[in-house]
Amino acid sequence: MKKNAKIKHNEDRLYYAFCYTVVTFLTLIVLYPIIYIISASFSNPDVVVHGGVWLWPKDIDLTAYKFVLEQPRIALGYKNTIFYTLVGTVINLVVTIACAYPLARKNLRGRGAIMFLFTFTMLFSAGMIPNYILIRELGMIDTRWAMLLPGALSVYNMIVCRTFIQTNIPAEMLEAAQIDGCNDFQYLFKMVLPLSKPILAVLTLWYGVSHWNAYFNAFMYLNSEELYPLQIFLKEILVQSKRIGPLEDEMLTFSEREHFSEYLYVTLKYCVIMVSTVPLFCVYPFVQKHFQKGVMIGSVKG
């Protein structure tokens, strides 16, 4: 008996050692590109181009950061992206909760048919051209609403929210609240939402990241530069290299041109990536524990 227990214990140790090794290896694969981008953005462009940066920054040079942060287009992109992220996330949460809460109620008539219609949209869509025609006919082309309303509801996120309410808020609580004279709106705002903080944090993260990285809607529906989010300017930097950089001589003074090497574009690209992702890195730790709980919703049935 003891021998079998010892063998099982050794097998468990080998299994955990294998799991930790695989996870560590995968973590390094994911982390190395991030570390390299950070190091390259702070390094001298000539060193980066010639492959001198592998892990840590070499010959630290902040010229690219100084140049990027001084560009009015970057500030404009930040301003628009922050607006789209904050307002869009609020709209997403309101619409998602407004759909998820009624669908979580078992006494809702036609709940199965409504869920079928929502699920149908996850599998089939009209396509890009019909969507563009719809946005144009609604008068939202080249307006901020084109960045906010078309994606006001994610059916997947709504299903996750509905599942959370169904599995974590007992139906007996509603009955007790109704006995005390609580109506549906009071029950939602005073009981359901306070108890749903974990899933609200997860949805805020998901929707916020989606809005922060939004590119396609802006590319399709916006024509005015003053409405562009940060991602559009990043595209112009990384693909066209025209909006920011010494190729547009009228954007630079003579003294600025002297400080730019022919390799600055390499560091500039890494620098722009860092400038655009740092806010997300700062926010994620605060919702990490809720995120871990949220992604496990519905995975285990009691």
C-alpha atoms as a PDB file:
ATOM      1  CA  MET A   1       0.000   0.000   0.000  1.00  0.00           C
ATOM      2  CA  LYS A   2       2.766   2.382   0.949  1.00  0.00           C
ATOM      3  CA  LYS A   3       4.674   1.403  -2.178  1.00  0.00           C
ATOM      4  CA  ASN A   4       1.683   2.223  -4.396  1.00  0.00           C
ATOM      5  CA  ALA A   5       1.203   5.558  -2.625  1.00  0.00           C
ATOM      6  CA  LYS A   6       4.885   6.372  -3.130  1.00  0.00           C
ATOM      7  CA  ILE A   7       4.683   5.511  -6.840  1.00  0.00           C
ATOM      8  CA  LYS A   8       1.579   7.661  -7.197  1.00  0.00           C
ATOM      9  CA  HIS A   9       3.320  10.509  -5.365  1.00  0.00           C
ATOM     10  CA  ASN A  10       6.317  10.299  -7.723  1.00  0.00           C
ATOM     11  CA  GLU A  11       4.008  10.254 -10.729  1.00  0.00           C
ATOM     12  CA  ASP A  12       2.263  13.363  -9.437  1.00  0.00           C
ATOM     13  CA  ARG A  13       5.613  15.118  -8.994  1.00  0.00           C
ATOM     14  CA  LEU A  14       6.634  14.226 -12.540  1.00  0.00           C
ATOM     15  CA  TYR A  15       3.282  15.432 -13.854  1.00  0.00           C
ATOM     16  CA  TYR A  16       3.505  18.776 -12.046  1.00  0.00           C
ATOM     17  CA  ALA A  17       7.126  19.201 -13.091  1.00  0.00           C
ATOM     18  CA  PHE A  18       6.117  18.633 -16.709  1.00  0.00           C
ATOM     19  CA  CYS A  19       3.203  21.090 -16.418  1.00  0.00           C
ATOM     20  CA  TYR A  20       5.380  23.792 -14.836  1.00  0.00           C
ATOM     21  CA  THR A  21       8.034  23.291 -17.501  1.00  0.00           C
ATOM     22  CA  VAL A  22       5.536  23.632 -20.338  1.00  0.00           C
ATOM     23  CA  VAL A  23       3.831  26.649 -18.774  1.00  0.00           C
ATOM     24  CA  THR A  24       7.174  28.336 -18.107  1.00  0.00           C
ATOM     25  CA  PHE A  25       8.265  27.727 -21.693  1.00  0.00           C
ATOM     26  CA  LEU A  26       5.010  29.116 -23.107  1.00  0.00           C
ATOM     27  CA  THR A  27       5.231  32.119 -20.774  1.00  0.00           C
ATOM     28  CA  LEU A  28       8.724  32.919 -22.009  1.00  0.00           C
ATOM     29  CA  ILE A  29       7.525  32.651 -25.603  1.00  0.00           C
ATOM     30  CA  VAL A  30       4.781  35.175 -24.858  1.00  0.00           C
ATOM     31  CA  LEU A  31       6.908  37.522 -22.740  1.00  0.00           C
ATOM     32  CA  TYR A  32      10.001  37.726 -24.934  1.00  0.00           C
ATOM     33  CA  PRO A  33       8.409  39.769 -27.764  1.00  0.00           C
ATOM     34  CA  ILE A  34       7.059  42.222 -25.175  1.00  0.00           C
ATOM     35  CA  ILE A  35      10.444  42.508 -23.468  1.00  0.00           C
ATOM     36  CA  TYR A  36      12.156  42.959 -26.821  1.00  0.00           C
ATOM     37  CA  ILE A  37       9.762  45.722 -27.875  1.00  0.00           C
ATOM     38  CA  ILE A  38      10.332  47.549 -24.583  1.00  0.00           C
ATOM     39  CA  SER A  39      14.110  47.202 -24.855  1.00  0.00           C
ATOM     40  CA  ALA A  40      14.210  48.191 -28.529  1.00  0.00           C
ATOM     41  CA  SER A  41      12.080  51.283 -27.911  1.00  0.00           C
ATOM     42  CA  PHE A  42      14.645  52.578 -25.377  1.00  0.00           C
ATOM     43  CA  SER A  43      17.741  51.606 -27.369  1.00  0.00           C
ATOM     44  CA  ASN A  44      19.779  53.433 -29.946  1.00  0.00           C
ATOM     45  CA  PRO A  45      18.283  52.885 -33.445  1.00  0.00           C
ATOM     46  CA  ASP A  46      21.623  51.910 -34.961  1.00  0.00           C
ATOM     47  CA  VAL A  47      22.104  49.194 -32.328  1.00  0.00           C
ATOM     48  CA  VAL A  48      18.596  47.815 -32.928  1.00  0.00           C
ATOM     49  CA  VAL A  49      18.982  47.697 -36.700  1.00  0.00           C
ATOM     50  CA  HIS A  50      22.263  45.809 -36.448  1.00  0.00           C
ATOM     51  CA  GLY A  51      20.807  43.209 -34.074  1.00  0.00           C
ATOM     52  CA  GLY A  52      22.549  44.432 -30.945  1.00  0.00           C
ATOM     53  CA  VAL A  53      19.426  44.225 -28.770  1.00  0.00           C
ATOM     54  CA  TRP A  54      18.412  40.793 -27.525  1.00  0.00           C
ATOM     55  CA  LEU A  55      16.994  41.256 -24.032  1.00  0.00           C
ATOM     56  CA  TRP A  56      18.015  44.471 -22.286  1.00  0.00           C
ATOM     57  CA  PRO A  57      18.209  48.010 -23.743  1.00  0.00           C
ATOM     58  CA  LYS A  58      21.581  49.073 -25.076  1.00  0.00           C
ATOM     59  CA  ASP A  59      22.855  52.621 -25.495  1.00  0.00           C
ATOM     60  CA  ILE A  60      19.610  54.113 -24.133  1.00  0.00           C
ATOM     61  CA  ASP A  61      18.139  56.790 -26.391  1.00  0.00           C
ATOM     62  CA  LEU A  62      14.832  58.586 -25.647  1.00  0.00           C
ATOM     63  CA  THR A  63      14.721  60.604 -28.866  1.00  0.00           C
ATOM     64  CA  ALA A  64      11.909  58.502 -30.327  1.00  0.00           C
ATOM     65  CA  TYR A  65       9.744  58.887 -27.210  1.00  0.00           C
ATOM     66  CA  LYS A  66      10.341  62.616 -27.141  1.00  0.00           C
ATOM     67  CA  PHE A  67       9.435  62.944 -30.787  1.00  0.00           C
ATOM     68  CA  VAL A  68       6.304  60.781 -30.576  1.00  0.00           C
ATOM     69  CA  LEU A  69       4.927  62.465 -27.480  1.00  0.00           C
ATOM     70  CA  GLU A  70       5.395  65.900 -29.035  1.00  0.00           C
ATOM     71  CA  GLN A  71       3.304  65.074 -32.095  1.00  0.00           C
ATOM     72  CA  PRO A  72      -0.182  66.674 -32.076  1.00  0.00           C
ATOM     73  CA  ARG A  73      -1.616  63.742 -34.031  1.00  0.00           C
ATOM     74  CA  ILE A  74      -0.637  61.292 -31.298  1.00  0.00           C
ATOM     75  CA  ALA A  75      -2.281  63.493 -28.668  1.00  0.00           C
ATOM     76  CA  LEU A  76      -5.390  63.717 -30.850  1.00  0.00           C
ATOM     77  CA  GLY A  77      -5.432  59.943 -31.310  1.00  0.00           C
ATOM     78  CA  TYR A  78      -5.101  59.430 -27.563  1.00  0.00           C
ATOM     79  CA  LYS A  79      -7.934  61.870 -26.891  1.00  0.00           C
ATOM     80  CA  ASN A  80     -10.282  60.196 -29.360  1.00  0.00           C
ATOM     81  CA  THR A  81      -9.387  56.672 -28.253  1.00  0.00           C
ATOM     82  CA  ILE A  82      -9.943  57.501 -24.592  1.00  0.00           C
ATOM     83  CA  PHE A  83     -13.314  59.013 -25.483  1.00  0.00           C
ATOM     84  CA  TYR A  84     -14.345  55.996 -27.562  1.00  0.00           C
ATOM     85  CA  THR A  85     -13.171  53.609 -24.833  1.00  0.00           C
ATOM     86  CA  LEU A  86     -14.929  55.322 -21.926  1.00  0.00           C
ATOM     87  CA  VAL A  87     -18.207  56.190 -23.651  1.00  0.00           C
ATOM     88  CA  GLY A  88     -18.301  52.995 -25.690  1.00  0.00           C
ATOM     89  CA  THR A  89     -17.701  50.800 -22.648  1.00  0.00           C
ATOM     90  CA  VAL A  90     -20.519  52.505 -20.739  1.00  0.00           C
ATOM     91  CA  ILE A  91     -22.885  51.964 -23.686  1.00  0.00           C
ATOM     92  CA  ASN A  92     -21.777  48.332 -23.955  1.00  0.00           C
ATOM     93  CA  LEU A  93     -22.379  47.655 -20.271  1.00  0.00           C
ATOM     94  CA  VAL A  94     -25.809  49.278 -20.273  1.00  0.00           C
ATOM     95  CA  VAL A  95     -26.974  47.379 -23.365  1.00  0.00           C
ATOM     96  CA  THR A  96     -25.434  44.079 -22.221  1.00  0.00           C
ATOM     97  CA  ILE A  97     -27.054  44.223 -18.771  1.00  0.00           C
ATOM     98  CA  ALA A  98     -30.370  45.331 -20.280  1.00  0.00           C
ATOM     99  CA  CYS A  99     -30.344  42.150 -22.412  1.00  0.00           C
ATOM    100  CA  ALA A 100     -28.734  39.719 -19.969  1.00  0.00           C
ATOM    101  CA  TYR A 101     -30.908  40.383 -16.935  1.00  0.00           C
ATOM    102  CA  PRO A 102     -34.306  39.700 -18.581  1.00  0.00           C
ATOM    103  CA  LEU A 103     -32.929  36.634 -20.360  1.00  0.00           C
ATOM    104  CA  ALA A 104     -31.690  35.306 -17.032  1.00  0.00           C
ATOM    105  CA  ARG A 105     -35.266  35.321 -15.716  1.00  0.00           C
ATOM    106  CA  LYS A 106     -36.898  31.937 -16.294  1.00  0.00           C
ATOM    107  CA  ASN A 107     -40.368  33.470 -16.372  1.00  0.00           C
ATOM    108  CA  LEU A 108     -39.592  35.562 -19.470  1.00  0.00           C
ATOM    109  CA  ARG A 109     -41.945  34.535 -22.257  1.00  0.00           C
ATOM    110  CA  GLY A 110     -40.274  33.620 -25.526  1.00  0.00           C
ATOM    111  CA  ARG A 111     -36.839  33.485 -23.912  1.00  0.00           C
ATOM    112  CA  GLY A 112     -35.759  30.542 -26.064  1.00  0.00           C
ATOM    113  CA  ALA A 113     -36.766  32.264 -29.311  1.00  0.00           C
ATOM    114  CA  ILE A 114     -35.023  35.475 -28.307  1.00  0.00           C
ATOM    115  CA  MET A 115     -31.819  33.601 -27.450  1.00  0.00           C
ATOM    116  CA  PHE A 116     -32.010  31.825 -30.809  1.00  0.00           C
ATOM    117  CA  LEU A 117     -32.130  35.178 -32.605  1.00  0.00           C
ATOM    118  CA  PHE A 118     -29.153  36.475 -30.618  1.00  0.00           C
ATOM    119  CA  THR A 119     -27.162  33.293 -31.238  1.00  0.00           C
ATOM    120  CA  PHE A 120     -28.025  33.370 -34.944  1.00  0.00           C
ATOM    121  CA  THR A 121     -26.202  36.694 -35.290  1.00  0.00           C
ATOM    122  CA  MET A 122     -23.032  35.067 -33.939  1.00  0.00           C
ATOM    123  CA  LEU A 123     -22.980  32.620 -36.852  1.00  0.00           C
ATOM    124  CA  PHE A 124     -24.383  34.658 -39.735  1.00  0.00           C
ATOM    125  CA  SER A 125     -24.053  38.311 -40.707  1.00  0.00           C
ATOM    126  CA  ALA A 126     -24.970  40.429 -43.723  1.00  0.00           C
ATOM    127  CA  GLY A 127     -21.372  41.238 -44.567  1.00  0.00           C
ATOM    128  CA  MET A 128     -19.192  44.286 -44.878  1.00  0.00           C
ATOM    129  CA  ILE A 129     -20.973  46.097 -47.725  1.00  0.00           C
ATOM    130  CA  PRO A 130     -24.514  45.790 -46.279  1.00  0.00           C
ATOM    131  CA  ASN A 131     -23.162  46.976 -42.927  1.00  0.00           C
ATOM    132  CA  TYR A 132     -21.592  50.004 -44.580  1.00  0.00           C
ATOM    133  CA  ILE A 133     -24.837  50.797 -46.407  1.00  0.00           C
ATOM    134  CA  LEU A 134     -26.748  50.511 -43.126  1.00  0.00           C
ATOM    135  CA  ILE A 135     -24.386  52.886 -41.314  1.00  0.00           C
ATOM    136  CA  ARG A 136     -24.588  55.321 -44.238  1.00  0.00           C
ATOM    137  CA  GLU A 137     -28.393  55.249 -44.319  1.00  0.00           C
ATOM    138  CA  LEU A 138     -28.492  55.874 -40.580  1.00  0.00           C
ATOM    139  CA  GLY A 139     -26.394  58.994 -41.112  1.00  0.00           C
ATOM    140  CA  MET A 140     -23.491  57.837 -38.945  1.00  0.00           C
ATOM    141  CA  ILE A 141     -20.721  57.988 -41.563  1.00  0.00           C
ATOM    142  CA  ASP A 142     -17.882  60.224 -40.361  1.00  0.00           C
ATOM    143  CA  THR A 143     -19.408  60.649 -36.905  1.00  0.00           C
ATOM    144  CA  ARG A 144     -18.385  59.386 -33.481  1.00  0.00           C
ATOM    145  CA  TRP A 145     -21.524  57.257 -33.337  1.00  0.00           C
ATOM    146  CA  ALA A 146     -20.040  54.984 -36.011  1.00  0.00           C
ATOM    147  CA  MET A 147     -17.424  53.958 -33.439  1.00  0.00           C
ATOM    148  CA  LEU A 148     -19.900  53.486 -30.597  1.00  0.00           C
ATOM    149  CA  LEU A 149     -23.233  52.068 -31.760  1.00  0.00           C
ATOM    150  CA  PRO A 150     -22.476  49.292 -34.318  1.00  0.00           C
ATOM    151  CA  GLY A 151     -20.742  47.217 -31.653  1.00  0.00           C
ATOM    152  CA  ALA A 152     -22.949  48.234 -28.736  1.00  0.00           C
ATOM    153  CA  LEU A 153     -23.669  44.597 -27.886  1.00  0.00           C
ATOM    154  CA  SER A 154     -21.467  41.529 -27.974  1.00  0.00           C
ATOM    155  CA  VAL A 155     -23.708  38.472 -27.918  1.00  0.00           C
ATOM    156  CA  TYR A 156     -20.926  36.367 -26.430  1.00  0.00           C
ATOM    157  CA  ASN A 157     -20.437  38.822 -23.553  1.00  0.00           C
ATOM    158  CA  MET A 158     -24.196  39.003 -23.042  1.00  0.00           C
ATOM    159  CA  ILE A 159     -24.393  35.212 -22.731  1.00  0.00           C
ATOM    160  CA  VAL A 160     -21.540  35.247 -20.210  1.00  0.00           C
ATOM    161  CA  CYS A 161     -23.318  37.925 -18.180  1.00  0.00           C
ATOM    162  CA  ARG A 162     -26.630  36.052 -18.324  1.00  0.00           C
ATOM    163  CA  THR A 163     -24.927  32.840 -17.200  1.00  0.00           C
ATOM    164  CA  PHE A 164     -23.332  34.630 -14.260  1.00  0.00           C
ATOM    165  CA  ILE A 165     -26.680  36.009 -13.091  1.00  0.00           C
ATOM    166  CA  GLN A 166     -28.363  32.631 -13.455  1.00  0.00           C
ATOM    167  CA  THR A 167     -25.686  30.696 -11.560  1.00  0.00           C
ATOM    168  CA  ASN A 168     -24.721  33.174  -8.833  1.00  0.00           C
ATOM    169  CA  ILE A 169     -27.964  34.955  -7.936  1.00  0.00           C
ATOM    170  CA  PRO A 170     -30.644  32.552  -6.603  1.00  0.00           C
ATOM    171  CA  ALA A 171     -34.227  32.935  -7.712  1.00  0.00           C
ATOM    172  CA  GLU A 172     -35.323  32.901  -4.061  1.00  0.00           C
ATOM    173  CA  MET A 173     -33.718  36.311  -3.656  1.00  0.00           C
ATOM    174  CA  LEU A 174     -36.126  37.764  -6.214  1.00  0.00           C
ATOM    175  CA  GLU A 175     -39.095  36.228  -4.421  1.00  0.00           C
ATOM    176  CA  ALA A 176     -37.966  37.686  -1.101  1.00  0.00           C
ATOM    177  CA  ALA A 177     -37.444  41.092  -2.695  1.00  0.00           C
ATOM    178  CA  GLN A 178     -40.892  41.037  -4.277  1.00  0.00           C
ATOM    179  CA  ILE A 179     -42.480  40.165  -0.921  1.00  0.00           C
ATOM    180  CA  ASP A 180     -40.815  43.279   0.509  1.00  0.00           C
ATOM    181  CA  GLY A 181     -42.343  45.373  -2.279  1.00  0.00           C
ATOM    182  CA  CYS A 182     -39.260  45.630  -4.490  1.00  0.00           C
ATOM    183  CA  ASN A 183     -39.965  46.083  -8.211  1.00  0.00           C
ATOM    184  CA  ASP A 184     -37.768  44.842 -11.062  1.00  0.00           C
ATOM    185  CA  PHE A 185     -35.757  48.034 -11.423  1.00  0.00           C
ATOM    186  CA  GLN A 186     -35.042  48.228  -7.710  1.00  0.00           C
ATOM    187  CA  TYR A 187     -34.081  44.564  -7.659  1.00  0.00           C
ATOM    188  CA  LEU A 188     -31.726  45.065 -10.594  1.00  0.00           C
ATOM    189  CA  PHE A 189     -29.953  48.159  -9.271  1.00  0.00           C
ATOM    190  CA  LYS A 190     -29.932  47.367  -5.551  1.00  0.00           C
ATOM    191  CA  MET A 191     -29.332  43.621  -5.570  1.00  0.00           C
ATOM    192  CA  VAL A 192     -28.302  42.164  -8.923  1.00  0.00           C
ATOM    193  CA  LEU A 193     -25.705  44.740  -9.947  1.00  0.00           C
ATOM    194  CA  PRO A 194     -23.939  44.938  -6.548  1.00  0.00           C
ATOM    195  CA  LEU A 195     -23.649  41.145  -6.549  1.00  0.00           C
ATOM    196  CA  SER A 196     -22.411  41.135 -10.160  1.00  0.00           C
ATOM    197  CA  LYS A 197     -19.259  43.212  -9.657  1.00  0.00           C
ATOM    198  CA  PRO A 198     -16.901  40.400 -10.820  1.00  0.00           C
ATOM    199  CA  ILE A 199     -18.639  39.949 -14.172  1.00  0.00           C
ATOM    200  CA  LEU A 200     -19.005  43.720 -14.600  1.00  0.00           C
ATOM    201  CA  ALA A 201     -15.250  44.071 -14.114  1.00  0.00           C
ATOM    202  CA  VAL A 202     -14.617  41.350 -16.696  1.00  0.00           C
ATOM    203  CA  LEU A 203     -17.000  42.923 -19.224  1.00  0.00           C
ATOM    204  CA  THR A 204     -15.433  46.326 -18.631  1.00  0.00           C
ATOM    205  CA  LEU A 205     -12.020  44.872 -19.432  1.00  0.00           C
ATOM    206  CA  TRP A 206     -13.219  43.034 -22.535  1.00  0.00           C
ATOM    207  CA  TYR A 207     -15.162  45.956 -23.939  1.00  0.00           C
ATOM    208  CA  GLY A 208     -12.482  48.464 -22.987  1.00  0.00           C
ATOM    209  CA  VAL A 209      -9.715  46.518 -24.738  1.00  0.00           C
ATOM    210  CA  SER A 210     -11.937  46.097 -27.783  1.00  0.00           C
ATOM    211  CA  HIS A 211     -12.564  49.841 -28.042  1.00  0.00           C
ATOM    212  CA  TRP A 212      -8.941  50.700 -27.353  1.00  0.00           C
ATOM    213  CA  ASN A 213      -7.771  48.464 -30.201  1.00  0.00           C
ATOM    214  CA  ALA A 214     -10.633  49.393 -32.552  1.00  0.00           C
ATOM    215  CA  TYR A 215      -9.356  49.961 -36.061  1.00  0.00           C
ATOM    216  CA  PHE A 216     -11.657  48.480 -38.686  1.00  0.00           C
ATOM    217  CA  ASN A 217     -14.741  50.599 -37.924  1.00  0.00           C
ATOM    218  CA  ALA A 218     -12.642  53.760 -37.995  1.00  0.00           C
ATOM    219  CA  PHE A 219     -11.053  52.684 -41.251  1.00  0.00           C
ATOM    220  CA  MET A 220     -14.466  51.988 -42.793  1.00  0.00           C
ATOM    221  CA  TYR A 221     -16.663  54.778 -41.459  1.00  0.00           C
ATOM    222  CA  LEU A 222     -14.455  57.778 -40.601  1.00  0.00           C
ATOM    223  CA  ASN A 223     -13.106  60.288 -43.091  1.00  0.00           C
ATOM    224  CA  SER A 224     -12.142  63.229 -40.875  1.00  0.00           C
ATOM    225  CA  GLU A 225      -8.727  63.097 -39.264  1.00  0.00           C
ATOM    226  CA  GLU A 226      -9.985  64.835 -36.118  1.00  0.00           C
ATOM    227  CA  LEU A 227     -12.158  61.761 -35.416  1.00  0.00           C
ATOM    228  CA  TYR A 228      -9.440  59.151 -35.956  1.00  0.00           C
ATOM    229  CA  PRO A 229      -8.525  56.897 -33.009  1.00  0.00           C
ATOM    230  CA  LEU A 230      -4.946  56.168 -32.100  1.00  0.00           C
ATOM    231  CA  GLN A 231      -4.872  52.928 -34.095  1.00  0.00           C
ATOM    232  CA  ILE A 232      -5.378  54.753 -37.392  1.00  0.00           C
ATOM    233  CA  PHE A 233      -2.348  56.927 -36.720  1.00  0.00           C
ATOM    234  CA  LEU A 234      -0.376  53.814 -35.773  1.00  0.00           C
ATOM    235  CA  LYS A 235      -1.310  52.284 -39.094  1.00  0.00           C
ATOM    236  CA  GLU A 236      -0.067  55.350 -40.917  1.00  0.00           C
ATOM    237  CA  ILE A 237       3.192  55.236 -38.958  1.00  0.00           C
ATOM    238  CA  LEU A 238       3.879  51.538 -39.324  1.00  0.00           C
ATOM    239  CA  VAL A 239       2.669  51.063 -42.892  1.00  0.00           C
ATOM    240  CA  GLN A 240       3.051  54.360 -44.676  1.00  0.00           C
ATOM    241  CA  SER A 241       5.669  56.048 -42.427  1.00  0.00           C
ATOM    242  CA  LYS A 242       4.326  59.445 -43.424  1.00  0.00           C
ATOM    243  CA  ARG A 243       2.426  60.964 -40.532  1.00  0.00           C
ATOM    244  CA  ILE A 244       5.308  61.007 -38.106  1.00  0.00           C
ATOM    245  CA  GLY A 245       8.906  61.087 -39.143  1.00  0.00           C
ATOM    246  CA  PRO A 246      11.561  62.982 -41.042  1.00  0.00           C
ATOM    247  CA  LEU A 247      10.116  62.074 -44.452  1.00  0.00           C
ATOM    248  CA  GLU A 248       7.658  64.947 -43.993  1.00  0.00           C
ATOM    249  CA  ASP A 249      10.210  67.730 -43.783  1.00  0.00           C
ATOM    250  CA  GLU A 250       7.585  70.356 -43.138  1.00  0.00           C
ATOM    251  CA  MET A 251       6.803  68.673 -39.801  1.00  0.00           C
ATOM    252  CA  LEU A 252      10.379  69.062 -38.518  1.00  0.00           C
ATOM    253  CA  THR A 253      12.630  71.959 -37.792  1.00  0.00           C
ATOM    254  CA  PHE A 254      16.218  71.991 -39.016  1.00  0.00           C
ATOM    255  CA  SER A 255      17.547  71.095 -35.555  1.00  0.00           C
ATOM    256  CA  GLU A 256      15.163  68.133 -35.350  1.00  0.00           C
ATOM    257  CA  ARG A 257      16.320  66.786 -38.710  1.00  0.00           C
ATOM    258  CA  GLU A 258      19.895  66.770 -37.490  1.00  0.00           C
ATOM    259  CA  HIS A 259      19.024  64.464 -34.594  1.00  0.00           C
ATOM    260  CA  PHE A 260      17.303  61.863 -36.764  1.00  0.00           C
ATOM    261  CA  SER A 261      19.290  58.982 -38.153  1.00  0.00           C
ATOM    262  CA  GLU A 262      18.213  56.946 -41.138  1.00  0.00           C
ATOM    263  CA  TYR A 263      17.355  54.098 -38.755  1.00  0.00           C
ATOM    264  CA  LEU A 264      15.068  56.074 -36.418  1.00  0.00           C
ATOM    265  CA  TYR A 265      11.951  54.540 -37.935  1.00  0.00           C
ATOM    266  CA  VAL A 266      12.795  51.189 -36.334  1.00  0.00           C
ATOM    267  CA  THR A 267      12.893  52.610 -32.810  1.00  0.00           C
ATOM    268  CA  LEU A 268       9.946  54.864 -33.590  1.00  0.00           C
ATOM    269  CA  LYS A 269       7.737  51.895 -34.403  1.00  0.00           C
ATOM    270  CA  TYR A 270       8.543  50.124 -31.148  1.00  0.00           C
ATOM    271  CA  CYS A 271       8.076  53.354 -29.249  1.00  0.00           C
ATOM    272  CA  VAL A 272       4.611  53.904 -30.733  1.00  0.00           C
ATOM    273  CA  ILE A 273       3.611  50.347 -29.817  1.00  0.00           C
ATOM    274  CA  MET A 274       4.625  50.997 -26.218  1.00  0.00           C
ATOM    275  CA  VAL A 275       2.823  54.334 -26.068  1.00  0.00           C
ATOM    276  CA  SER A 276      -0.386  52.684 -27.256  1.00  0.00           C
ATOM    277  CA  THR A 277      -0.293  49.632 -24.958  1.00  0.00           C
ATOM    278  CA  VAL A 278       0.993  51.010 -21.643  1.00  0.00           C
ATOM    279  CA  PRO A 279      -2.496  52.157 -20.485  1.00  0.00           C
ATOM    280  CA  LEU A 280      -3.832  48.607 -20.895  1.00  0.00           C
ATOM    281  CA  PHE A 281      -0.876  47.179 -18.979  1.00  0.00           C
ATOM    282  CA  CYS A 282      -1.672  49.579 -16.139  1.00  0.00           C
ATOM    283  CA  VAL A 283      -5.366  48.683 -15.969  1.00  0.00           C
ATOM    284  CA  TYR A 284      -5.178  44.897 -16.258  1.00  0.00           C
ATOM    285  CA  PRO A 285      -3.669  44.120 -12.800  1.00  0.00           C
ATOM    286  CA  PHE A 286      -6.662  45.719 -11.092  1.00  0.00           C
ATOM    287  CA  VAL A 287      -9.175  43.404 -12.782  1.00  0.00           C
ATOM    288  CA  GLN A 288      -7.030  40.287 -13.085  1.00  0.00           C
ATOM    289  CA  LYS A 289      -8.678  38.354 -10.230  1.00  0.00           C
ATOM    290  CA  HIS A 290     -12.142  39.167 -11.590  1.00  0.00           C
ATOM    291  CA  PHE A 291     -11.007  38.245 -15.087  1.00  0.00           C
ATOM    292  CA  GLN A 292      -9.846  34.816 -13.922  1.00  0.00           C
ATOM    293  CA  LYS A 293     -13.196  34.196 -12.257  1.00  0.00           C
ATOM    294  CA  GLY A 294     -15.186  35.496 -15.211  1.00  0.00           C
ATOM    295  CA  VAL A 295     -13.577  33.294 -17.843  1.00  0.00           C
ATOM    296  CA  MET A 296     -14.446  30.219 -15.745  1.00  0.00           C
ATOM    297  CA  ILE A 297     -18.173  31.013 -15.631  1.00  0.00           C
ATOM    298  CA  GLY A 298     -20.167  28.005 -16.744  1.00  0.00           C
ATOM    299  CA  SER A 299     -17.138  25.703 -16.987  1.00  0.00           C
ATOM    300  CA  VAL A 300     -18.027  23.709 -13.856  1.00  0.00           C
ATOM    301  CA  LYS A 301     -21.527  22.515 -13.091  1.00  0.00           C
ATOM    302  CA  GLY A 302     -22.511  21.562  -9.557  1.00  0.00           C
END
